[in-house]
PDB file of N, CA and C in Angstrom:
ATOM      1  N   UNK A   1      -6.789  14.496 -13.201  1.00  0.00           N
ATOM      2  CA  UNK A   1      -6.338  14.397 -12.645  1.00  0.00           C
ATOM      3  C   UNK A   1      -5.699  14.129 -10.955  1.00  0.00           C
ATOM      4  N   UNK A   2      -4.869  13.062 -10.559  1.00  0.00           N
ATOM      5  CA  UNK A   2      -4.469  13.227  -8.931  1.00  0.00           C
ATOM      6  C   UNK A   2      -3.691  14.350  -8.442  1.00  0.00           C
ATOM      7  N   UNK A   3      -4.127  14.964  -7.631  1.00  0.00           N
ATOM      8  CA  UNK A   3      -2.881  15.480  -7.006  1.00  0.00           C
ATOM      9  C   UNK A   3      -2.154  14.676  -5.615  1.00  0.00           C
ATOM     10  N   UNK A   4      -1.668  14.482  -4.846  1.00  0.00           N
ATOM     11  CA  UNK A   4      -0.792  13.216  -4.372  1.00  0.00           C
ATOM     12  C   UNK A   4       0.004  14.104  -3.321  1.00  0.00           C
ATOM     13  N   UNK A   5       0.197  13.457  -1.761  1.00  0.00           N
ATOM     14  CA  UNK A   5       0.368  13.992  -0.810  1.00  0.00           C
ATOM     15  C   UNK A   5       1.511  12.353  -0.809  1.00  0.00           C
ATOM     16  N   UNK A   6       2.763  12.841  -0.108  1.00  0.00           N
ATOM     17  CA  UNK A   6       4.042  12.112   0.225  1.00  0.00           C
ATOM     18  C   UNK A   6       4.773  12.289   1.409  1.00  0.00           C
ATOM     19  N   UNK A   7       4.839  10.862   2.008  1.00  0.00           N
ATOM     20  CA  UNK A   7       5.107  10.574   3.559  1.00  0.00           C
ATOM     21  C   UNK A   7       5.769   9.568   3.302  1.00  0.00           C
ATOM     22  N   UNK A   8       7.608  10.298   3.813  1.00  0.00           N
ATOM     23  CA  UNK A   8       8.240   9.348   3.572  1.00  0.00           C
ATOM     24  C   UNK A   8       8.441   8.531   5.098  1.00  0.00           C
ATOM     25  N   UNK A   9       8.399   7.516   5.101  1.00  0.00           N
ATOM     26  CA  UNK A   9       9.082   6.521   6.884  1.00  0.00           C
ATOM     27  C   UNK A   9      10.110   6.329   6.915  1.00  0.00           C
ATOM     28  N   UNK A  10      10.768   5.744   8.137  1.00  0.00           N
ATOM     29  CA  UNK A  10      11.507   4.587   8.333  1.00  0.00           C
ATOM     30  C   UNK A  10      13.153   4.973   7.589  1.00  0.00           C
ATOM     31  N   UNK A  11      13.195   6.218   7.125  1.00  0.00           N
ATOM     32  CA  UNK A  11      14.395   6.801   6.424  1.00  0.00           C
ATOM     33  C   UNK A  11      14.452   6.839   5.222  1.00  0.00           C
ATOM     34  N   UNK A  12      12.859   7.056   4.318  1.00  0.00           N
ATOM     35  CA  UNK A  12      13.036   6.551   3.194  1.00  0.00           C
ATOM     36  C   UNK A  12      13.149   5.333   2.280  1.00  0.00           C
ATOM     37  N   UNK A  13      12.529   4.021   3.477  1.00  0.00           N
ATOM     38  CA  UNK A  13      12.466   2.503   2.682  1.00  0.00           C
ATOM     39  C   UNK A  13      11.044   2.753   2.355  1.00  0.00           C
ATOM     40  N   UNK A  14      10.206   3.386   2.972  1.00  0.00           N
ATOM     41  CA  UNK A  14       8.615   3.780   2.911  1.00  0.00           C
ATOM     42  C   UNK A  14       8.525   4.949   2.920  1.00  0.00           C
ATOM     43  N   UNK A  15       7.756   4.780   1.287  1.00  0.00           N
ATOM     44  CA  UNK A  15       6.885   5.986   1.056  1.00  0.00           C
ATOM     45  C   UNK A  15       5.108   5.586   1.041  1.00  0.00           C
ATOM     46  N   UNK A  16       4.397   6.477   1.501  1.00  0.00           N
ATOM     47  CA  UNK A  16       3.270   6.308   1.590  1.00  0.00           C
ATOM     48  C   UNK A  16       2.924   7.632   0.600  1.00  0.00           C
ATOM     49  N   UNK A  17       1.862   7.457  -0.677  1.00  0.00           N
ATOM     50  CA  UNK A  17       1.277   8.284  -1.744  1.00  0.00           C
ATOM     51  C   UNK A  17      -0.332   8.396  -1.171  1.00  0.00           C
ATOM     52  N   UNK A  18      -0.559   9.502  -0.989  1.00  0.00           N
ATOM     53  CA  UNK A  18      -2.169  10.031  -0.501  1.00  0.00           C
ATOM     54  C   UNK A  18      -2.727  10.438  -1.866  1.00  0.00           C
ATOM     55  N   UNK A  19      -3.995   9.565  -2.200  1.00  0.00           N
ATOM     56  CA  UNK A  19      -4.595  10.268  -3.263  1.00  0.00           C
ATOM     57  C   UNK A  19      -5.041  11.119  -2.299  1.00  0.00           C
ATOM     58  N   UNK A  20      -5.154  12.129  -2.865  1.00  0.00           N
ATOM     59  CA  UNK A  20      -6.115  13.582  -2.339  1.00  0.00           C
ATOM     60  C   UNK A  20      -7.063  14.174  -3.254  1.00  0.00           C
ATOM     61  N   UNK A  21      -6.661  14.274  -4.297  1.00  0.00           N
ATOM     62  CA  UNK A  21      -7.749  14.693  -5.382  1.00  0.00           C
ATOM     63  C   UNK A  21      -9.000  14.269  -4.845  1.00  0.00           C
ATOM     64  N   UNK A  22      -9.923  15.061  -5.284  1.00  0.00           N
ATOM     65  CA  UNK A  22     -11.937  15.037  -4.750  1.00  0.00           C
ATOM     66  C   UNK A  22     -11.847  13.888  -5.399  1.00  0.00           C
ATOM     67  N   UNK A  23     -11.288  13.387  -6.836  1.00  0.00           N
ATOM     68  CA  UNK A  23     -12.734  12.079  -7.274  1.00  0.00           C
ATOM     69  C   UNK A  23     -11.086  10.939  -6.756  1.00  0.00           C
ATOM     70  N   UNK A  24     -11.574  10.130  -6.456  1.00  0.00           N
ATOM     71  CA  UNK A  24     -11.054   8.763  -5.993  1.00  0.00           C
ATOM     72  C   UNK A  24     -11.273   8.095  -7.165  1.00  0.00           C
ATOM     73  N   UNK A  25      -9.555   7.440  -7.497  1.00  0.00           N
ATOM     74  CA  UNK A  25      -9.042   6.538  -8.727  1.00  0.00           C
ATOM     75  C   UNK A  25     -10.106   4.866  -8.982  1.00  0.00           C
ATOM     76  N   UNK A  26     -10.569   4.563 -10.003  1.00  0.00           N
ATOM     77  CA  UNK A  26     -11.125   3.525  -9.581  1.00  0.00           C
ATOM     78  C   UNK A  26     -10.133   2.436  -9.813  1.00  0.00           C
ATOM     79  N   UNK A  27     -10.369   1.284  -9.873  1.00  0.00           N
ATOM     80  CA  UNK A  27      -9.400  -0.190  -9.826  1.00  0.00           C
ATOM     81  C   UNK A  27      -8.728  -0.051 -11.179  1.00  0.00           C
ATOM     82  N   UNK A  28      -8.973   0.485 -12.234  1.00  0.00           N
ATOM     83  CA  UNK A  28      -8.901   0.208 -13.730  1.00  0.00           C
ATOM     84  C   UNK A  28      -7.418   1.663 -13.557  1.00  0.00           C
ATOM     85  N   UNK A  29      -7.832   2.129 -13.341  1.00  0.00           N
ATOM     86  CA  UNK A  29      -7.088   3.848 -13.094  1.00  0.00           C
ATOM     87  C   UNK A  29      -5.836   3.269 -12.521  1.00  0.00           C
ATOM     88  N   UNK A  30      -6.085   2.604 -11.440  1.00  0.00           N
ATOM     89  CA  UNK A  30      -4.877   2.046 -10.673  1.00  0.00           C
ATOM     90  C   UNK A  30      -3.579   1.554 -11.187  1.00  0.00           C
ATOM     91  N   UNK A  31      -4.627   0.622 -11.756  1.00  0.00           N
ATOM     92  CA  UNK A  31      -4.119  -0.979 -12.628  1.00  0.00           C
ATOM     93  C   UNK A  31      -3.180  -0.063 -14.092  1.00  0.00           C
ATOM     94  N   UNK A  32      -3.782   1.189 -14.575  1.00  0.00           N
ATOM     95  CA  UNK A  32      -2.812   1.645 -15.598  1.00  0.00           C
ATOM     96  C   UNK A  32      -1.887   2.522 -15.004  1.00  0.00           C
ATOM     97  N   UNK A  33      -1.525   3.090 -14.147  1.00  0.00           N
ATOM     98  CA  UNK A  33      -0.476   3.888 -13.331  1.00  0.00           C
ATOM     99  C   UNK A  33       0.463   2.902 -13.057  1.00  0.00           C
ATOM    100  N   UNK A  34      -0.070   1.570 -12.279  1.00  0.00           N
ATOM    101  CA  UNK A  34       1.193   0.573 -12.551  1.00  0.00           C
ATOM    102  C   UNK A  34       1.703   0.266 -13.681  1.00  0.00           C
ATOM    103  N   UNK A  35       0.561  -0.208 -14.855  1.00  0.00           N
ATOM    104  CA  UNK A  35       1.792  -0.487 -16.459  1.00  0.00           C
ATOM    105  C   UNK A  35       2.363   0.290 -16.870  1.00  0.00           C
ATOM    106  N   UNK A  36       1.589   1.538 -16.782  1.00  0.00           N
ATOM    107  CA  UNK A  36       2.849   2.719 -17.378  1.00  0.00           C
ATOM    108  C   UNK A  36       3.919   2.573 -16.225  1.00  0.00           C
ATOM    109  N   UNK A  37       4.233   2.080 -15.137  1.00  0.00           N
ATOM    110  CA  UNK A  37       5.615   2.236 -14.333  1.00  0.00           C
ATOM    111  C   UNK A  37       6.274   0.423 -14.616  1.00  0.00           C
ATOM    112  N   UNK A  38       5.743  -0.339 -15.771  1.00  0.00           N
ATOM    113  CA  UNK A  38       5.767  -1.339 -16.566  1.00  0.00           C
ATOM    114  C   UNK A  38       6.065  -2.218 -15.320  1.00  0.00           C
ATOM    115  N   UNK A  39       5.040  -2.036 -14.066  1.00  0.00           N
ATOM    116  CA  UNK A  39       4.568  -2.960 -13.338  1.00  0.00           C
ATOM    117  C   UNK A  39       3.131  -3.838 -13.215  1.00  0.00           C
ATOM    118  N   UNK A  40       3.474  -5.264 -13.049  1.00  0.00           N
ATOM    119  CA  UNK A  40       2.426  -6.512 -13.393  1.00  0.00           C
ATOM    120  C   UNK A  40       1.798  -6.658 -12.099  1.00  0.00           C
ATOM    121  N   UNK A  41       0.575  -5.772 -11.874  1.00  0.00           N
ATOM    122  CA  UNK A  41       0.121  -5.756 -10.661  1.00  0.00           C
ATOM    123  C   UNK A  41      -0.987  -7.115 -10.847  1.00  0.00           C
ATOM    124  N   UNK A  42      -0.926  -7.640  -8.955  1.00  0.00           N
ATOM    125  CA  UNK A  42      -2.565  -8.755  -8.934  1.00  0.00           C
ATOM    126  C   UNK A  42      -3.282  -8.314  -8.081  1.00  0.00           C
ATOM    127  N   UNK A  43      -4.340  -8.988  -7.956  1.00  0.00           N
ATOM    128  CA  UNK A  43      -5.277  -8.594  -6.854  1.00  0.00           C
ATOM    129  C   UNK A  43      -5.358  -8.842  -5.799  1.00  0.00           C
ATOM    130  N   UNK A  44      -5.205  -8.640  -4.462  1.00  0.00           N
ATOM    131  CA  UNK A  44      -5.488  -9.504  -3.163  1.00  0.00           C
ATOM    132  C   UNK A  44      -6.369  -9.213  -2.901  1.00  0.00           C
ATOM    133  N   UNK A  45      -7.524  -9.408  -1.470  1.00  0.00           N
ATOM    134  CA  UNK A  45      -7.913  -9.519  -0.506  1.00  0.00           C
ATOM    135  C   UNK A  45      -8.011  -9.833   1.151  1.00  0.00           C
ATOM    136  N   UNK A  46      -8.236  -9.275   1.638  1.00  0.00           N
ATOM    137  CA  UNK A  46      -8.827 -10.241   3.147  1.00  0.00           C
ATOM    138  C   UNK A  46     -10.120  -9.558   3.773  1.00  0.00           C
ATOM    139  N   UNK A  47     -10.235 -10.559   5.047  1.00  0.00           N
ATOM    140  CA  UNK A  47     -11.068 -10.191   6.121  1.00  0.00           C
ATOM    141  C   UNK A  47     -10.925  -9.155   6.464  1.00  0.00           C
ATOM    142  N   UNK A  48     -12.331  -8.078   7.405  1.00  0.00           N
ATOM    143  CA  UNK A  48     -11.735  -7.684   8.816  1.00  0.00           C
ATOM    144  C   UNK A  48     -11.239  -8.279   9.755  1.00  0.00           C
ATOM    145  N   UNK A  49     -10.054  -7.398  10.228  1.00  0.00           N
ATOM    146  CA  UNK A  49      -9.473  -7.599  11.215  1.00  0.00           C
ATOM    147  C   UNK A  49      -8.001  -9.081  10.957  1.00  0.00           C
ATOM    148  N   UNK A  50      -7.963  -9.133   9.697  1.00  0.00           N
ATOM    149  CA  UNK A  50      -7.003 -10.177   9.575  1.00  0.00           C
ATOM    150  C   UNK A  50      -5.399  -9.795   9.606  1.00  0.00           C
ATOM    151  N   UNK A  51      -5.197 -10.372  10.166  1.00  0.00           N
ATOM    152  CA  UNK A  51      -3.555 -10.011  10.764  1.00  0.00           C
ATOM    153  C   UNK A  51      -2.262 -10.558   9.707  1.00  0.00           C
ATOM    154  N   UNK A  52      -1.071  -9.630   9.159  1.00  0.00           N
ATOM    155  CA  UNK A  52      -0.174 -10.457   9.007  1.00  0.00           C
ATOM    156  C   UNK A  52       1.001 -10.160  10.204  1.00  0.00           C
ATOM    157  N   UNK A  53       1.883 -11.188  10.681  1.00  0.00           N
ATOM    158  CA  UNK A  53       2.942 -10.960  11.265  1.00  0.00           C
ATOM    159  C   UNK A  53       4.433 -10.511  10.532  1.00  0.00           C
ATOM    160  N   UNK A  54       4.755  -9.423  11.334  1.00  0.00           N
ATOM    161  CA  UNK A  54       6.022  -8.878  10.933  1.00  0.00           C
ATOM    162  C   UNK A  54       6.729 -10.030  10.213  1.00  0.00           C
ATOM    163  N   UNK A  55       6.911  -9.443   9.195  1.00  0.00           N
ATOM    164  CA  UNK A  55       7.921 -10.830   8.160  1.00  0.00           C
ATOM    165  C   UNK A  55       8.674  -9.498   6.944  1.00  0.00           C
ATOM    166  N   UNK A  56      10.002 -10.019   5.991  1.00  0.00           N
ATOM    167  CA  UNK A  56      10.052  -8.667   5.203  1.00  0.00           C
ATOM    168  C   UNK A  56       9.677  -9.250   4.076  1.00  0.00           C
ATOM    169  N   UNK A  57      10.686  -9.391   2.626  1.00  0.00           N
ATOM    170  CA  UNK A  57      10.286  -9.531   1.082  1.00  0.00           C
ATOM    171  C   UNK A  57      11.726  -9.151   0.561  1.00  0.00           C
ATOM    172  N   UNK A  58      12.090 -10.501   0.229  1.00  0.00           N
ATOM    173  CA  UNK A  58      13.750  -9.837  -1.155  1.00  0.00           C
ATOM    174  C   UNK A  58      13.334  -8.804  -2.171  1.00  0.00           C
ATOM    175  N   UNK A  59      12.631  -8.740  -2.266  1.00  0.00           N
ATOM    176  CA  UNK A  59      11.211  -7.169  -3.742  1.00  0.00           C
ATOM    177  C   UNK A  59      11.527  -6.197  -3.018  1.00  0.00           C
ATOM    178  N   UNK A  60      11.109  -5.106  -3.933  1.00  0.00           N
ATOM    179  CA  UNK A  60      10.582  -4.042  -3.525  1.00  0.00           C
ATOM    180  C   UNK A  60       9.081  -4.175  -3.637  1.00  0.00           C
ATOM    181  N   UNK A  61       8.131  -4.029  -3.039  1.00  0.00           N
ATOM    182  CA  UNK A  61       7.262  -3.838  -2.901  1.00  0.00           C
ATOM    183  C   UNK A  61       5.805  -2.227  -3.264  1.00  0.00           C
ATOM    184  N   UNK A  62       5.005  -2.646  -4.230  1.00  0.00           N
ATOM    185  CA  UNK A  62       3.963  -1.800  -4.122  1.00  0.00           C
ATOM    186  C   UNK A  62       2.364  -1.948  -4.381  1.00  0.00           C
ATOM    187  N   UNK A  63       2.020  -1.349  -3.244  1.00  0.00           N
ATOM    188  CA  UNK A  63       0.590  -1.561  -3.079  1.00  0.00           C
ATOM    189  C   UNK A  63      -0.205  -0.167  -2.865  1.00  0.00           C
ATOM    190  N   UNK A  64      -1.176  -0.793  -3.766  1.00  0.00           N
ATOM    191  CA  UNK A  64      -2.597   0.136  -4.066  1.00  0.00           C
ATOM    192  C   UNK A  64      -4.148  -0.004  -3.333  1.00  0.00           C
ATOM    193  N   UNK A  65      -5.157   0.480  -2.475  1.00  0.00           N
ATOM    194  CA  UNK A  65      -6.061   0.366  -2.020  1.00  0.00           C
ATOM    195  C   UNK A  65      -6.845   0.394  -2.879  1.00  0.00           C
ATOM    196  N   UNK A  66      -7.824  -0.781  -3.273  1.00  0.00           N
ATOM    197  CA  UNK A  66      -8.496  -0.236  -3.999  1.00  0.00           C
ATOM    198  C   UNK A  66      -9.889  -0.090  -3.273  1.00  0.00           C
ATOM    199  N   UNK A  67      -9.942  -0.924  -2.075  1.00  0.00           N
ATOM    200  CA  UNK A  67     -10.979  -0.194  -1.242  1.00  0.00           C
ATOM    201  C   UNK A  67     -10.899  -0.703   0.257  1.00  0.00           C
ATOM    202  N   UNK A  68     -11.174  -0.263   1.078  1.00  0.00           N
ATOM    203  CA  UNK A  68     -10.944  -0.339   2.672  1.00  0.00           C
ATOM    204  C   UNK A  68      -9.818   0.018   3.423  1.00  0.00           C
ATOM    205  N   UNK A  69      -9.759  -0.691   3.981  1.00  0.00           N
ATOM    206  CA  UNK A  69      -7.942  -0.171   4.606  1.00  0.00           C
ATOM    207  C   UNK A  69      -7.465  -1.263   5.302  1.00  0.00           C
ATOM    208  N   UNK A  70      -6.006  -0.430   5.380  1.00  0.00           N
ATOM    209  CA  UNK A  70      -5.387  -1.555   5.999  1.00  0.00           C
ATOM    210  C   UNK A  70      -3.685  -0.866   6.298  1.00  0.00           C
ATOM    211  N   UNK A  71      -3.733  -1.368   7.957  1.00  0.00           N
ATOM    212  CA  UNK A  71      -3.149  -0.461   8.472  1.00  0.00           C
ATOM    213  C   UNK A  71      -1.064  -1.321   8.812  1.00  0.00           C
ATOM    214  N   UNK A  72       0.215  -0.417   7.966  1.00  0.00           N
ATOM    215  CA  UNK A  72       1.134  -1.575   8.235  1.00  0.00           C
ATOM    216  C   UNK A  72       1.791  -1.006   9.686  1.00  0.00           C
ATOM    217  N   UNK A  73       2.070  -1.975  10.281  1.00  0.00           N
ATOM    218  CA  UNK A  73       3.012  -1.657  10.979  1.00  0.00           C
ATOM    219  C   UNK A  73       4.756  -1.915  11.291  1.00  0.00           C
ATOM    220  N   UNK A  74       5.658  -1.626  11.233  1.00  0.00           N
ATOM    221  CA  UNK A  74       6.798  -0.668  11.074  1.00  0.00           C
ATOM    222  C   UNK A  74       7.408  -1.515  12.071  1.00  0.00           C
ATOM    223  N   UNK A  75       7.798  -2.487  12.372  1.00  0.00           N
ATOM    224  CA  UNK A  75       8.969  -2.969  13.897  1.00  0.00           C
ATOM    225  C   UNK A  75      10.127  -2.710  14.050  1.00  0.00           C
ATOM    226  N   UNK A  76      10.798  -1.988  13.454  1.00  0.00           N
ATOM    227  CA  UNK A  76      11.946  -1.596  13.628  1.00  0.00           C
ATOM    228  C   UNK A  76      11.891   0.099  14.083  1.00  0.00           C
ATOM    229  N   UNK A  77      11.090   0.781  13.236  1.00  0.00           N
ATOM    230  CA  UNK A  77      10.995   2.393  13.773  1.00  0.00           C
ATOM    231  C   UNK A  77      10.140   2.379  15.139  1.00  0.00           C
ATOM    232  N   UNK A  78       8.951   1.481  15.071  1.00  0.00           N
ATOM    233  CA  UNK A  78       7.587   1.760  15.930  1.00  0.00           C
ATOM    234  C   UNK A  78       6.853   2.645  15.060  1.00  0.00           C
ATOM    235  N   UNK A  79       7.209   3.144  13.712  1.00  0.00           N
ATOM    236  CA  UNK A  79       5.715   3.333  13.066  1.00  0.00           C
ATOM    237  C   UNK A  79       4.355   2.928  12.614  1.00  0.00           C
ATOM    238  N   UNK A  80       3.142   3.171  12.274  1.00  0.00           N
ATOM    239  CA  UNK A  80       2.690   2.781  11.796  1.00  0.00           C
ATOM    240  C   UNK A  80       1.706   3.724  11.006  1.00  0.00           C
ATOM    241  N   UNK A  81       1.791   2.878   9.726  1.00  0.00           N
ATOM    242  CA  UNK A  81       0.619   3.803   8.793  1.00  0.00           C
ATOM    243  C   UNK A  81      -0.596   2.924   8.190  1.00  0.00           C
ATOM    244  N   UNK A  82      -2.126   4.025   8.349  1.00  0.00           N
ATOM    245  CA  UNK A  82      -2.583   3.493   7.682  1.00  0.00           C
ATOM    246  C   UNK A  82      -3.427   3.592   6.501  1.00  0.00           C
ATOM    247  N   UNK A  83      -3.568   3.230   5.308  1.00  0.00           N
ATOM    248  CA  UNK A  83      -3.591   3.251   3.170  1.00  0.00           C
ATOM    249  C   UNK A  83      -5.272   3.214   3.805  1.00  0.00           C
ATOM    250  N   UNK A  84      -5.804   4.192   3.548  1.00  0.00           N
ATOM    251  CA  UNK A  84      -7.169   3.925   2.535  1.00  0.00           C
ATOM    252  C   UNK A  84      -7.363   4.225   0.979  1.00  0.00           C
ATOM    253  N   UNK A  85      -8.221   3.791   0.840  1.00  0.00           N
ATOM    254  CA  UNK A  85      -9.090   3.838  -0.896  1.00  0.00           C
ATOM    255  C   UNK A  85      -8.121   4.693  -1.624  1.00  0.00           C
ATOM    256  N   UNK A  86      -6.917   4.123  -2.573  1.00  0.00           N
ATOM    257  CA  UNK A  86      -6.581   5.149  -3.495  1.00  0.00           C
ATOM    258  C   UNK A  86      -5.097   5.375  -2.898  1.00  0.00           C
ATOM    259  N   UNK A  87      -5.134   5.063  -1.697  1.00  0.00           N
ATOM    260  CA  UNK A  87      -3.219   5.123  -1.332  1.00  0.00           C
ATOM    261  C   UNK A  87      -2.734   4.391  -1.794  1.00  0.00           C
ATOM    262  N   UNK A  88      -1.575   4.714  -1.520  1.00  0.00           N
ATOM    263  CA  UNK A  88      -0.169   3.968  -2.128  1.00  0.00           C
ATOM    264  C   UNK A  88       1.167   3.437  -1.064  1.00  0.00           C
ATOM    265  N   UNK A  89       1.809   2.167  -0.751  1.00  0.00           N
ATOM    266  CA  UNK A  89       2.683   2.168  -0.082  1.00  0.00           C
ATOM    267  C   UNK A  89       3.934   1.490  -0.937  1.00  0.00           C
ATOM    268  N   UNK A  90       4.759   1.896  -1.078  1.00  0.00           N
ATOM    269  CA  UNK A  90       6.685   2.035  -2.012  1.00  0.00           C
ATOM    270  C   UNK A  90       7.152   1.330  -0.555  1.00  0.00           C
ATOM    271  N   UNK A  91       7.213   0.017  -0.618  1.00  0.00           N
ATOM    272  CA  UNK A  91       8.447  -1.240   0.780  1.00  0.00           C
ATOM    273  C   UNK A  91       9.710  -1.256   0.030  1.00  0.00           C
ATOM    274  N   UNK A  92      10.571  -0.557   0.543  1.00  0.00           N
ATOM    275  CA  UNK A  92      12.241  -1.654   0.190  1.00  0.00           C
ATOM    276  C   UNK A  92      12.106  -2.743   0.637  1.00  0.00           C
ATOM    277  N   UNK A  93      12.601  -3.771  -0.322  1.00  0.00           N
ATOM    278  CA  UNK A  93      13.318  -4.973   0.015  1.00  0.00           C
ATOM    279  C   UNK A  93      14.009  -4.794   1.644  1.00  0.00           C
ATOM    280  N   UNK A  94      13.592  -5.924   2.326  1.00  0.00           N
ATOM    281  CA  UNK A  94      14.258  -6.288   3.520  1.00  0.00           C
ATOM    282  C   UNK A  94      13.317  -5.230   4.366  1.00  0.00           C
ATOM    283  N   UNK A  95      12.411  -4.699   4.572  1.00  0.00           N
ATOM    284  CA  UNK A  95      11.764  -3.594   5.798  1.00  0.00           C
ATOM    285  C   UNK A  95      10.990  -4.865   6.430  1.00  0.00           C
ATOM    286  N   UNK A  96      10.945  -4.642   7.484  1.00  0.00           N
ATOM    287  CA  UNK A  96      10.074  -5.680   8.366  1.00  0.00           C
ATOM    288  C   UNK A  96       9.209  -5.033   8.394  1.00  0.00           C
ATOM    289  N   UNK A  97       7.752  -5.552   8.279  1.00  0.00           N
ATOM    290  CA  UNK A  97       6.630  -5.284   8.186  1.00  0.00           C
ATOM    291  C   UNK A  97       5.563  -5.728   8.370  1.00  0.00           C
ATOM    292  N   UNK A  98       4.501  -5.715   9.240  1.00  0.00           N
ATOM    293  CA  UNK A  98       3.055  -6.376   9.729  1.00  0.00           C
ATOM    294  C   UNK A  98       2.175  -5.587   9.285  1.00  0.00           C
ATOM    295  N   UNK A  99       0.502  -6.185   9.089  1.00  0.00           N
ATOM    296  CA  UNK A  99      -0.303  -5.143   8.985  1.00  0.00           C
ATOM    297  C   UNK A  99      -1.605  -5.844   9.748  1.00  0.00           C
ATOM    298  N   UNK A 100      -2.719  -5.165   9.798  1.00  0.00           N
ATOM    299  CA  UNK A 100      -3.741  -5.387  10.280  1.00  0.00           C
ATOM    300  C   UNK A 100      -5.144  -5.005   9.477  1.00  0.00           C
ATOM    301  N   UNK A 101      -5.834  -5.752   8.890  1.00  0.00           N
ATOM    302  CA  UNK A 101      -6.868  -4.952   7.902  1.00  0.00           C
ATOM    303  C   UNK A 101      -7.916  -4.132   8.945  1.00  0.00           C
ATOM    304  N   UNK A 102      -8.863  -3.386   8.117  1.00  0.00           N
ATOM    305  CA  UNK A 102      -9.892  -2.092   8.405  1.00  0.00           C
ATOM    306  C   UNK A 102     -10.294  -3.204   8.806  1.00  0.00           C
ATOM    307  N   UNK A 103     -11.670  -2.672   9.683  1.00  0.00           N
ATOM    308  CA  UNK A 103     -13.236  -3.092   9.691  1.00  0.00           C
ATOM    309  C   UNK A 103     -13.735  -3.811   8.444  1.00  0.00           C
ATOM    310  N   UNK A 104     -13.686  -2.537   7.395  1.00  0.00           N
ATOM    311  CA  UNK A 104     -14.769  -3.681   6.342  1.00  0.00           C
ATOM    312  C   UNK A 104     -14.065  -4.141   5.528  1.00  0.00           C
ATOM    313  N   UNK A 105     -12.277  -4.902   5.692  1.00  0.00           N
ATOM    314  CA  UNK A 105     -11.636  -5.798   4.843  1.00  0.00           C
ATOM    315  C   UNK A 105     -11.092  -4.723   4.003  1.00  0.00           C
ATOM    316  N   UNK A 106      -9.887  -5.514   2.942  1.00  0.00           N
ATOM    317  CA  UNK A 106      -9.364  -4.581   2.074  1.00  0.00           C
ATOM    318  C   UNK A 106      -8.603  -5.183   0.896  1.00  0.00           C
ATOM    319  N   UNK A 107      -8.721  -4.218  -0.883  1.00  0.00           N
ATOM    320  CA  UNK A 107      -8.586  -5.080  -1.545  1.00  0.00           C
ATOM    321  C   UNK A 107      -8.040  -4.248  -1.908  1.00  0.00           C
ATOM    322  N   UNK A 108      -6.322  -4.743  -2.381  1.00  0.00           N
ATOM    323  CA  UNK A 108      -5.553  -3.910  -3.225  1.00  0.00           C
ATOM    324  C   UNK A 108      -5.262  -4.583  -4.447  1.00  0.00           C
ATOM    325  N   UNK A 109      -4.185  -4.313  -5.068  1.00  0.00           N
ATOM    326  CA  UNK A 109      -3.635  -4.267  -6.668  1.00  0.00           C
ATOM    327  C   UNK A 109      -1.826  -3.863  -6.019  1.00  0.00           C
ATOM    328  N   UNK A 110      -1.254  -4.881  -6.649  1.00  0.00           N
ATOM    329  CA  UNK A 110       0.510  -5.655  -5.690  1.00  0.00           C
ATOM    330  C   UNK A 110       0.949  -5.689  -6.484  1.00  0.00           C
ATOM    331  N   UNK A 111       2.175  -4.992  -6.634  1.00  0.00           N
ATOM    332  CA  UNK A 111       3.271  -4.684  -8.011  1.00  0.00           C
ATOM    333  C   UNK A 111       4.511  -5.225  -7.023  1.00  0.00           C
ATOM    334  N   UNK A 112       5.331  -6.044  -7.768  1.00  0.00           N
ATOM    335  CA  UNK A 112       7.346  -5.915  -7.203  1.00  0.00           C
ATOM    336  C   UNK A 112       7.789  -5.322  -8.247  1.00  0.00           C
ATOM    337  N   UNK A 113       9.066  -4.824  -7.785  1.00  0.00           N
ATOM    338  CA  UNK A 113      10.339  -4.055  -8.661  1.00  0.00           C
ATOM    339  C   UNK A 113      11.536  -5.683  -8.481  1.00  0.00           C
TER     340      UNK A 113
END
């Protein structure tokens, strides 16, 4: 079972859930967690140093990092958060964000609410 640490950013429009138990989840475990929430996840990846410029979405986004790392910036608040293996990001619709992929690249599972 996992234990989680939660961080709320930008007035609760952004939630980061850190996987903090000793055993890290595998991709199938993360897919199962999302499926239990009735979320249909898809997998994507990017290479080291890839950059996404600031943008927004019309939907709520849920991301789990399967491997590697990615840093999300929140331009409106000036906050940044780095996600590593097992970490989850819940991002509300309309929140401006950018991203920089870590030095090992990143693989994520993403779903929309």
